[in-house]
Amino acid sequence: MKQKNYYIIDFDSTFTQVEALDELVRISLKDNPDKEAIFKKIEDYTNMAMEGRISFSESLAERVKLLGANKEHLKKLVSHLKKKVSKSFLRNAAFFEKHADDVLIVSGGFKEFITPVVKKFGIKKENVYANTFHFDNEGNIIGYDAENPLSQEGGKVKLMKELNLQGNLYGIGDGYSDFQLRESGLIKKFFAYTENISRKSVTSKADYVTPSFDEFLYINKLQGSISYPKNRIICITEGNVPMESIELLKQEGLTIINGKDADEKTVQKAGIILASNGVQIDSRKIKKASRLKVIGYLGASKTALPVELCTEKGIIIFDDAKATATANTAIPQRITAFINKGSVSRSINFPSLQLPAVKQTHRIIHIHKNVPGVLAQINTLLAQHAINIGAQYLMTNHNIGYVIVDINKEYDKRLLKELKNIEHTIQFRVLY
């Protein structure tokens, strides 16, 4: 009999981008003249516990003493935290609704702010395990329930022993207390979550380092909002690429590597190249970059790139022939529109195709030589697999046919192989 899977997820710096108690003190001490010094003390206690340098119970007690918060501050905190949910968790909200019985939030934080934040994801109130505050008659926080195992050192281990869940348990978190679950043998695998913070003391001991929730879903063959984690898409920067261009791509979760640090293996894996004006990229590099999908060039690229070879390999080129200041943002935005939606705008070698973002569907991209009959073959295969087409887009130029198909049901993985093997196919991928 197949065992049930449970997903044990941390809250602070995992489900959300921030440490909630740190944020609460920023709210409660907004007008306090000593706030900066108090902020620093609380952050230090947080980090020492997360890195295993002091006990969690000691850290928690010291932080609560410094809060100076009340119920009105907690309301403001909840509103703030709802805007600070980690991006890859937001992208995959459907996962939590589908696995409502299997997801547990286990945190050294407090139910008073965790439960209202995770509620909109369909996570059940009874599946939130966290500490609780004590209040005085005026609603001021004066302490917490010290009998709760999660307020104590090794609290997550104590709690999971009490719950005695039967099945495969997977732990996801950024701190030492999360790793302790793996160390105890209570969970099958521990995933160190690094989208918001990476602690060497934790990542060095993890079964997997997980830069995003997309990565966790991908590794465990669970359905997510995108078919391939963005952190696995490598973008190599060539020349003096402005920091604002790099930051736009980093915000999308892409892995950015400077061309000076890119060895042959990295070049082979790269999906994107972003080059500054004046950089020359020769045919040898293009041929080595077997996974390359798009090149962004912050200037005129026609004499700097082997354009014909790129077209033959299905590599889209975005450039700014006038090398204007707006290229620093416009070119990265065109790259991300292609990576995220399949849209092509102002490419020098591909037909333009503007696409809406879609939900609850799969989008596939097929790039092929512009010869008769390819679209018919694509549709024949979809019909043979009884796939209903939600939307289909086709644009061509003299050399290239570019087809996007949205399909609204699960598909046999053999379909992908068959689509890829259609004669005259140049590139094929599932977008999400």
Protein backbone atom coordinates (compact mmCIF):
# COMPACT_ATOMS: atom_id res chain seq x y z
CA MET A 1 0.00 0.00 0.00
CA LYS A 2 1.34 3.43 -0.99
CA GLN A 3 2.28 5.59 1.99
CA LYS A 4 0.82 9.06 2.44
CA ASN A 5 3.15 12.02 1.94
CA TYR A 6 3.26 14.94 4.40
CA TYR A 7 4.95 18.28 3.75
CA ILE A 8 6.30 19.94 6.91
CA ILE A 9 6.89 23.61 6.05
CA ASP A 10 8.53 26.37 8.10
CA PHE A 11 7.01 29.86 8.09
CA ASP A 12 9.61 32.59 8.76
CA SER A 13 12.03 33.14 5.85
CA THR A 14 10.48 30.14 4.09
CA PHE A 15 6.75 30.57 3.53
CA THR A 16 7.36 34.30 3.93
CA GLN A 17 10.36 36.35 2.86
CA VAL A 18 10.96 37.75 6.36
CA GLU A 19 11.26 36.89 10.06
CA ALA A 20 7.91 37.90 11.50
CA LEU A 21 9.12 38.86 14.98
CA ASP A 22 11.73 41.12 13.41
CA GLU A 23 8.96 42.78 11.41
CA LEU A 24 6.67 43.03 14.45
CA VAL A 25 9.26 44.95 16.43
CA ARG A 26 9.71 47.37 13.52
CA ILE A 27 5.98 48.07 13.75
CA SER A 28 5.73 48.24 17.54
CA LEU A 29 8.84 50.40 18.03
CA LYS A 30 8.30 52.70 15.08
CA ASP A 31 8.54 55.85 17.21
CA ASN A 32 10.99 54.55 19.81
CA PRO A 33 14.28 56.54 19.75
CA ASP A 34 16.25 53.35 20.57
CA LYS A 35 14.57 51.27 17.86
CA GLU A 36 17.69 50.63 15.76
CA ALA A 37 19.61 49.15 18.68
CA ILE A 38 16.61 46.98 19.64
CA PHE A 39 16.14 45.85 16.01
CA LYS A 40 19.77 44.74 15.96
CA LYS A 41 19.45 42.75 19.19
CA ILE A 42 16.37 40.90 17.93
CA GLU A 43 17.98 40.10 14.57
CA ASP A 44 21.07 38.81 16.36
CA TYR A 45 19.00 36.51 18.59
CA THR A 46 17.12 35.25 15.50
CA ASN A 47 20.28 34.44 13.57
CA MET A 48 22.06 32.82 16.51
CA ALA A 49 19.16 30.40 16.99
CA MET A 50 18.72 29.68 13.26
CA GLU A 51 22.43 28.87 13.00
CA GLY A 52 22.38 26.68 16.11
CA ARG A 53 24.64 28.96 18.21
CA ILE A 54 22.13 29.37 21.05
CA SER A 55 19.04 27.38 21.99
CA PHE A 56 15.75 28.29 20.35
CA SER A 57 14.02 28.73 23.71
CA GLU A 58 16.66 31.23 24.84
CA SER A 59 16.36 33.16 21.58
CA LEU A 60 12.57 33.25 21.73
CA ALA A 61 12.43 34.44 25.33
CA GLU A 62 14.87 37.29 24.66
CA ARG A 63 13.05 38.40 21.50
CA VAL A 64 9.61 38.45 23.12
CA LYS A 65 10.99 40.58 25.97
CA LEU A 66 12.04 43.21 23.45
CA LEU A 67 8.83 43.31 21.37
CA GLY A 68 6.77 45.98 23.17
CA ALA A 69 3.83 44.92 20.98
CA ASN A 70 0.06 44.59 21.31
CA LYS A 71 -2.92 43.21 19.37
CA GLU A 72 -3.18 46.32 17.18
CA HIS A 73 0.45 45.85 16.14
CA LEU A 74 -0.32 42.22 15.30
CA LYS A 75 -3.12 43.30 12.94
CA LYS A 76 -0.66 45.53 11.09
CA LEU A 77 1.86 42.70 11.01
CA VAL A 78 -0.61 40.30 9.41
CA SER A 79 -1.40 42.81 6.65
CA HIS A 80 2.34 43.27 6.08
CA LEU A 81 3.11 39.52 6.01
CA LYS A 82 0.38 38.85 3.44
CA LYS A 83 2.43 41.02 1.06
CA LYS A 84 5.64 39.20 1.96
CA VAL A 85 4.76 35.61 1.03
CA SER A 86 7.68 34.07 -0.88
CA LYS A 87 7.23 34.49 -4.61
CA SER A 88 7.50 30.83 -5.52
CA PHE A 89 4.91 29.92 -2.84
CA LEU A 90 2.55 32.51 -4.35
CA ARG A 91 3.10 31.01 -7.80
CA ASN A 92 2.12 27.60 -6.51
CA ALA A 93 -0.95 28.44 -4.42
CA ALA A 94 -2.86 25.67 -6.24
CA PHE A 95 -0.54 23.06 -4.70
CA PHE A 96 -1.68 23.96 -1.18
CA GLU A 97 -5.35 23.77 -2.09
CA LYS A 98 -4.83 20.36 -3.70
CA HIS A 99 -2.79 19.05 -0.74
CA ALA A 100 -4.75 20.71 2.07
CA ASP A 101 -4.70 17.51 4.14
CA ASP A 102 -0.99 16.91 3.59
CA VAL A 103 0.58 20.32 4.35
CA LEU A 104 1.58 21.24 7.89
CA ILE A 105 3.01 24.61 8.87
CA VAL A 106 5.38 23.91 11.77
CA SER A 107 7.02 27.03 13.15
CA GLY A 108 8.63 28.57 16.18
CA GLY A 109 6.60 31.67 15.30
CA PHE A 110 3.12 32.45 16.57
CA LYS A 111 -0.34 31.33 15.49
CA GLU A 112 -1.69 34.86 15.94
CA PHE A 113 0.08 35.98 12.75
CA ILE A 114 0.72 32.69 10.92
CA THR A 115 -2.84 31.33 10.72
CA PRO A 116 -4.42 34.39 9.00
CA VAL A 117 -1.56 34.55 6.46
CA VAL A 118 -1.70 30.89 5.37
CA LYS A 119 -5.50 30.69 5.49
CA LYS A 120 -5.97 32.12 1.99
CA PHE A 121 -3.85 29.27 0.61
CA GLY A 122 -6.35 26.72 1.88
CA ILE A 123 -4.03 25.50 4.63
CA LYS A 124 -6.20 24.22 7.45
CA LYS A 125 -6.19 25.98 10.81
CA GLU A 126 -5.69 22.65 12.57
CA ASN A 127 -2.60 22.02 10.44
CA VAL A 128 -0.82 25.13 11.76
CA TYR A 129 1.50 24.24 14.64
CA ALA A 130 3.11 27.25 16.29
CA ASN A 131 3.47 29.14 19.57
CA THR A 132 0.81 31.36 21.14
CA PHE A 133 1.18 34.71 22.91
CA HIS A 134 -0.05 35.68 26.36
CA PHE A 135 -1.75 39.09 26.63
CA ASP A 136 -2.70 41.38 29.50
CA ASN A 137 -6.14 43.00 29.85
CA GLU A 138 -5.10 45.88 27.56
CA GLY A 139 -4.03 43.51 24.76
CA ASN A 140 -0.28 43.92 25.31
CA ILE A 141 1.98 40.93 24.66
CA ILE A 142 3.46 39.93 28.02
CA GLY A 143 4.79 36.44 27.22
CA TYR A 144 3.95 33.14 25.57
CA ASP A 145 2.86 29.60 26.38
CA ALA A 146 6.08 28.01 27.67
CA GLU A 147 4.38 24.59 27.81
CA ASN A 148 4.09 24.48 24.03
CA PRO A 149 6.88 22.19 22.74
CA LEU A 150 7.58 24.64 19.93
CA SER A 151 8.74 27.22 22.49
CA GLN A 152 11.45 24.84 23.68
CA GLU A 153 14.80 23.70 22.35
CA GLY A 154 14.26 20.84 19.88
CA GLY A 155 10.57 21.78 19.82
CA LYS A 156 9.87 20.65 16.27
CA VAL A 157 11.29 17.21 17.07
CA LYS A 158 9.15 16.98 20.23
CA LEU A 159 6.03 18.01 18.33
CA MET A 160 6.52 15.55 15.47
CA LYS A 161 7.08 12.74 17.97
CA GLU A 162 3.76 13.64 19.61
CA LEU A 163 1.93 13.77 16.26
CA ASN A 164 3.39 10.40 15.21
CA LEU A 165 2.37 10.85 11.58
CA GLN A 166 2.47 7.66 9.53
CA GLY A 167 3.89 8.12 6.05
CA ASN A 168 6.68 9.88 4.18
CA LEU A 169 7.53 13.21 5.80
CA TYR A 170 9.37 15.92 3.86
CA GLY A 171 10.74 18.94 5.73
CA ILE A 172 11.22 22.37 4.14
CA GLY A 173 12.88 25.22 6.02
CA ASP A 174 15.80 27.60 6.38
CA GLY A 175 16.90 27.08 9.98
CA TYR A 176 18.73 24.71 12.29
CA SER A 177 15.47 23.66 13.99
CA ASP A 178 14.25 22.39 10.61
CA PHE A 179 17.40 20.34 10.10
CA GLN A 180 16.93 18.81 13.56
CA LEU A 181 13.90 16.95 12.19
CA ARG A 182 16.16 15.20 9.67
CA GLU A 183 18.82 14.58 12.29
CA SER A 184 16.21 12.92 14.50
CA GLY A 185 15.16 10.54 11.73
CA LEU A 186 11.55 11.70 11.90
CA ILE A 187 11.44 12.94 8.31
CA LYS A 188 12.49 11.21 5.12
CA LYS A 189 14.26 14.19 3.49
CA PHE A 190 15.16 17.71 4.51
CA PHE A 191 15.14 20.52 1.94
CA ALA A 192 17.13 23.62 2.96
CA TYR A 193 15.10 26.53 1.60
CA THR A 194 17.28 29.38 0.31
CA GLU A 195 14.95 31.67 -1.67
CA ASN A 196 15.17 34.29 1.07
CA ILE A 197 18.26 33.41 3.12
CA SER A 198 20.98 30.78 2.92
CA ARG A 199 22.64 29.56 6.10
CA LYS A 200 25.75 27.45 5.51
CA SER A 201 25.26 25.63 8.81
CA VAL A 202 21.94 24.37 7.42
CA THR A 203 22.63 23.91 3.69
CA SER A 204 25.75 21.85 4.38
CA LYS A 205 23.63 19.24 6.17
CA ALA A 206 20.54 19.16 3.94
CA ASP A 207 19.48 16.38 1.59
CA TYR A 208 18.74 19.07 -1.00
CA VAL A 209 19.28 22.80 -1.26
CA THR A 210 16.05 24.29 -2.61
CA PRO A 211 16.28 27.86 -3.99
CA SER A 212 12.54 27.97 -4.65
CA PHE A 213 9.34 26.02 -4.03
CA ASP A 214 9.27 25.33 -7.77
CA GLU A 215 12.50 23.37 -7.29
CA PHE A 216 10.99 21.34 -4.45
CA LEU A 217 7.97 20.42 -6.58
CA TYR A 218 10.17 19.58 -9.57
CA ILE A 219 12.49 17.29 -7.59
CA ASN A 220 9.55 15.43 -6.06
CA LYS A 221 7.63 15.18 -9.37
CA LEU A 222 4.72 17.22 -8.01
CA GLN A 223 2.66 19.46 -10.27
CA GLY A 224 3.60 23.14 -10.07
CA SER A 225 2.75 26.36 -11.86
CA ILE A 226 5.84 26.09 -14.06
CA SER A 227 7.32 22.97 -15.61
CA TYR A 228 10.95 23.85 -14.94
CA PRO A 229 12.35 25.84 -11.98
CA LYS A 230 13.62 29.27 -12.96
CA ASN A 231 16.63 28.90 -10.67
CA ARG A 232 17.86 26.16 -13.01
CA ILE A 233 17.83 28.55 -15.96
CA ILE A 234 21.35 29.96 -16.25
CA CYS A 235 21.91 33.45 -17.65
CA ILE A 236 25.50 34.27 -18.61
CA THR A 237 26.36 37.97 -18.69
CA GLU A 238 28.99 39.08 -21.19
CA GLY A 239 30.84 42.38 -20.93
CA ASN A 240 29.87 45.30 -18.73
CA VAL A 241 26.17 44.53 -18.22
CA PRO A 242 24.52 47.20 -15.98
CA MET A 243 23.45 46.13 -12.50
CA GLU A 244 19.85 47.22 -13.14
CA SER A 245 19.62 44.71 -16.00
CA ILE A 246 21.02 41.92 -13.83
CA GLU A 247 18.68 42.74 -10.95
CA LEU A 248 15.60 42.45 -13.17
CA LEU A 249 16.61 38.91 -14.11
CA LYS A 250 17.55 38.02 -10.53
CA GLN A 251 14.07 39.08 -9.41
CA GLU A 252 12.69 36.43 -11.75
CA GLY A 253 14.69 33.79 -9.87
CA LEU A 254 17.17 33.11 -12.67
CA THR A 255 20.75 32.07 -11.88
CA ILE A 256 23.15 34.79 -13.08
CA ILE A 257 26.77 33.91 -13.87
CA ASN A 258 29.42 36.34 -15.11
CA GLY A 259 30.93 35.22 -18.41
CA LYS A 260 34.42 35.42 -16.87
CA ASP A 261 33.39 32.70 -14.40
CA ALA A 262 31.55 30.49 -16.90
CA ASP A 263 33.43 27.30 -17.73
CA GLU A 264 32.58 25.11 -20.71
CA LYS A 265 30.04 23.07 -18.73
CA THR A 266 28.23 26.25 -17.62
CA VAL A 267 28.12 27.54 -21.21
CA GLN A 268 26.65 24.23 -22.32
CA LYS A 269 23.85 24.52 -19.73
CA ALA A 270 23.09 28.23 -20.26
CA GLY A 271 19.58 29.12 -21.41
CA ILE A 272 20.19 32.89 -21.72
CA ILE A 273 23.04 35.19 -22.67
CA LEU A 274 22.83 38.90 -21.86
CA ALA A 275 25.60 40.96 -23.47
CA SER A 276 26.60 44.60 -23.26
CA ASN A 277 27.05 46.76 -26.35
CA GLY A 278 30.27 46.06 -28.26
CA VAL A 279 30.73 42.46 -27.08
CA GLN A 280 31.43 39.93 -29.83
CA ILE A 281 29.89 36.45 -29.49
CA ASP A 282 31.28 34.02 -32.04
CA SER A 283 29.84 30.86 -33.60
CA ARG A 284 31.91 28.56 -31.42
CA LYS A 285 30.22 29.75 -28.23
CA ILE A 286 26.76 29.48 -29.80
CA LYS A 287 27.47 25.92 -30.90
CA LYS A 288 28.71 24.98 -27.43
CA ALA A 289 25.62 26.45 -25.76
CA SER A 290 23.35 23.53 -26.65
CA ARG A 291 20.50 24.67 -24.34
CA LEU A 292 20.55 28.34 -25.34
CA LYS A 293 17.08 29.79 -25.99
CA VAL A 294 17.49 33.55 -26.03
CA ILE A 295 20.15 36.25 -26.36
CA GLY A 296 19.65 39.79 -25.10
CA TYR A 297 22.01 42.37 -26.57
CA LEU A 298 22.20 45.89 -25.14
CA GLY A 299 23.00 47.49 -28.48
CA ALA A 300 23.07 46.64 -32.20
CA SER A 301 23.74 42.92 -32.55
CA LYS A 302 23.79 42.24 -36.30
CA THR A 303 27.57 42.44 -36.62
CA ALA A 304 28.28 41.16 -33.09
CA LEU A 305 26.44 37.83 -33.33
CA PRO A 306 26.14 35.00 -35.86
CA VAL A 307 22.46 35.82 -36.44
CA GLU A 308 21.88 33.20 -39.13
CA LEU A 309 23.29 30.43 -36.92
CA CYS A 310 21.13 31.56 -34.00
CA THR A 311 18.05 31.41 -36.18
CA GLU A 312 18.95 27.91 -37.39
CA LYS A 313 19.24 26.79 -33.76
CA GLY A 314 15.96 28.45 -32.72
CA ILE A 315 17.67 31.06 -30.53
CA ILE A 316 15.72 34.29 -30.23
CA ILE A 317 17.68 37.56 -30.32
CA PHE A 318 16.47 40.75 -28.65
CA ASP A 319 18.53 43.88 -29.17
CA ASP A 320 18.39 47.67 -29.23
CA ALA A 321 20.02 48.87 -32.45
CA LYS A 322 20.18 52.46 -31.15
CA ALA A 323 21.75 51.38 -27.82
CA THR A 324 19.40 53.68 -25.89
CA ALA A 325 19.36 53.97 -22.09
CA THR A 326 16.01 52.16 -21.97
CA ALA A 327 17.67 49.01 -23.32
CA ASN A 328 18.97 48.26 -19.82
CA THR A 329 15.41 47.49 -18.70
CA ALA A 330 13.64 46.82 -22.01
CA ILE A 331 15.85 43.91 -23.09
CA PRO A 332 15.63 42.00 -19.76
CA GLN A 333 11.86 42.56 -19.81
CA ARG A 334 11.60 41.05 -23.29
CA ILE A 335 13.68 38.09 -22.14
CA THR A 336 11.45 37.43 -19.12
CA ALA A 337 8.28 37.81 -21.20
CA PHE A 338 9.60 35.06 -23.45
CA ILE A 339 10.70 32.82 -20.57
CA ASN A 340 7.45 33.33 -18.63
CA LYS A 341 4.82 33.46 -21.37
CA GLY A 342 6.50 32.62 -24.68
CA SER A 343 5.93 36.18 -25.95
CA VAL A 344 8.29 37.57 -28.58
CA SER A 345 8.55 41.33 -29.09
CA ARG A 346 11.00 43.19 -31.35
CA SER A 347 13.24 40.26 -32.07
CA ILE A 348 15.60 40.71 -35.02
CA ASN A 349 15.26 37.08 -36.15
CA PHE A 350 11.86 35.81 -34.90
CA PRO A 351 8.29 36.79 -35.69
CA SER A 352 6.52 38.85 -33.01
CA LEU A 353 3.90 37.09 -30.94
CA GLN A 354 2.24 38.66 -27.90
CA LEU A 355 0.62 36.18 -25.52
CA PRO A 356 -1.52 36.44 -22.40
CA ALA A 357 -0.53 34.68 -19.19
CA VAL A 358 -2.82 31.75 -18.46
CA LYS A 359 -3.77 29.63 -15.47
CA GLN A 360 -5.02 26.08 -15.06
CA THR A 361 -3.47 24.97 -18.33
CA HIS A 362 -0.24 23.78 -19.93
CA ARG A 363 1.59 25.84 -22.56
CA ILE A 364 3.93 24.22 -25.05
CA ILE A 365 6.32 25.96 -27.45
CA HIS A 366 7.30 24.46 -30.80
CA ILE A 367 9.91 26.19 -33.00
CA HIS A 368 10.47 24.71 -36.44
CA LYS A 369 11.66 25.45 -39.93
CA ASN A 370 9.01 27.29 -41.93
CA VAL A 371 7.99 24.41 -44.20
CA PRO A 372 4.47 23.18 -45.01
CA GLY A 373 2.77 20.55 -42.86
CA VAL A 374 4.36 21.02 -39.42
CA LEU A 375 1.30 22.57 -37.77
CA ALA A 376 -0.84 19.77 -39.19
CA GLN A 377 1.49 17.19 -37.63
CA ILE A 378 1.33 18.93 -34.26
CA ASN A 379 -2.47 18.96 -34.30
CA THR A 380 -2.63 15.33 -35.45
CA LEU A 381 -0.53 14.23 -32.46
CA LEU A 382 -2.69 16.26 -30.07
CA ALA A 383 -5.81 14.63 -31.53
CA GLN A 384 -4.31 11.15 -31.24
CA HIS A 385 -3.70 11.78 -27.54
CA ALA A 386 -7.25 13.18 -27.11
CA ILE A 387 -5.89 16.57 -26.04
CA ASN A 388 -8.30 19.50 -26.11
CA ILE A 389 -6.65 22.71 -27.39
CA GLY A 390 -7.52 25.73 -25.27
CA ALA A 391 -5.72 28.20 -27.55
CA GLN A 392 -3.21 28.06 -30.38
CA TYR A 393 -0.96 30.76 -31.78
CA LEU A 394 1.22 30.66 -34.89
CA MET A 395 3.56 33.24 -36.39
CA THR A 396 6.10 32.76 -39.13
CA ASN A 397 8.79 34.60 -41.02
CA HIS A 398 10.83 33.45 -44.01
CA ASN A 399 12.85 30.95 -41.94
CA ILE A 400 10.96 30.16 -38.73
CA GLY A 401 7.59 28.85 -37.65
CA TYR A 402 6.72 29.62 -34.03
CA VAL A 403 3.76 27.76 -32.51
CA ILE A 404 2.30 28.12 -29.00
CA VAL A 405 -0.38 25.67 -27.87
CA ASP A 406 -2.34 25.84 -24.60
CA ILE A 407 -3.80 22.50 -23.59
CA ASN A 408 -6.16 22.07 -20.66
CA LYS A 409 -5.71 18.51 -19.45
CA GLU A 410 -3.02 16.18 -18.17
CA TYR A 411 -1.03 14.53 -20.92
CA ASP A 412 0.97 11.37 -21.47
CA LYS A 413 4.68 12.16 -21.35
CA ARG A 414 5.05 10.28 -24.66
CA LEU A 415 3.28 13.20 -26.33
CA LEU A 416 6.22 15.49 -25.55
CA LYS A 417 8.70 13.09 -27.11
CA GLU A 418 6.57 12.73 -30.22
CA LEU A 419 6.19 16.50 -30.64
CA LYS A 420 9.93 16.94 -30.25
CA ASN A 421 10.58 14.30 -32.92
CA ILE A 422 8.44 15.96 -35.61
CA GLU A 423 10.55 16.50 -38.72
CA HIS A 424 11.95 20.06 -39.05
CA THR A 425 11.64 20.71 -35.28
CA ILE A 426 14.35 23.13 -34.05
CA GLN A 427 13.39 23.57 -30.41
CA PHE A 428 10.54 22.29 -28.22
CA ARG A 429 9.73 22.85 -24.55
CA VAL A 430 6.90 22.88 -22.05
CA LEU A 431 6.57 26.37 -20.57
CA TYR A 432 4.22 25.43 -17.68
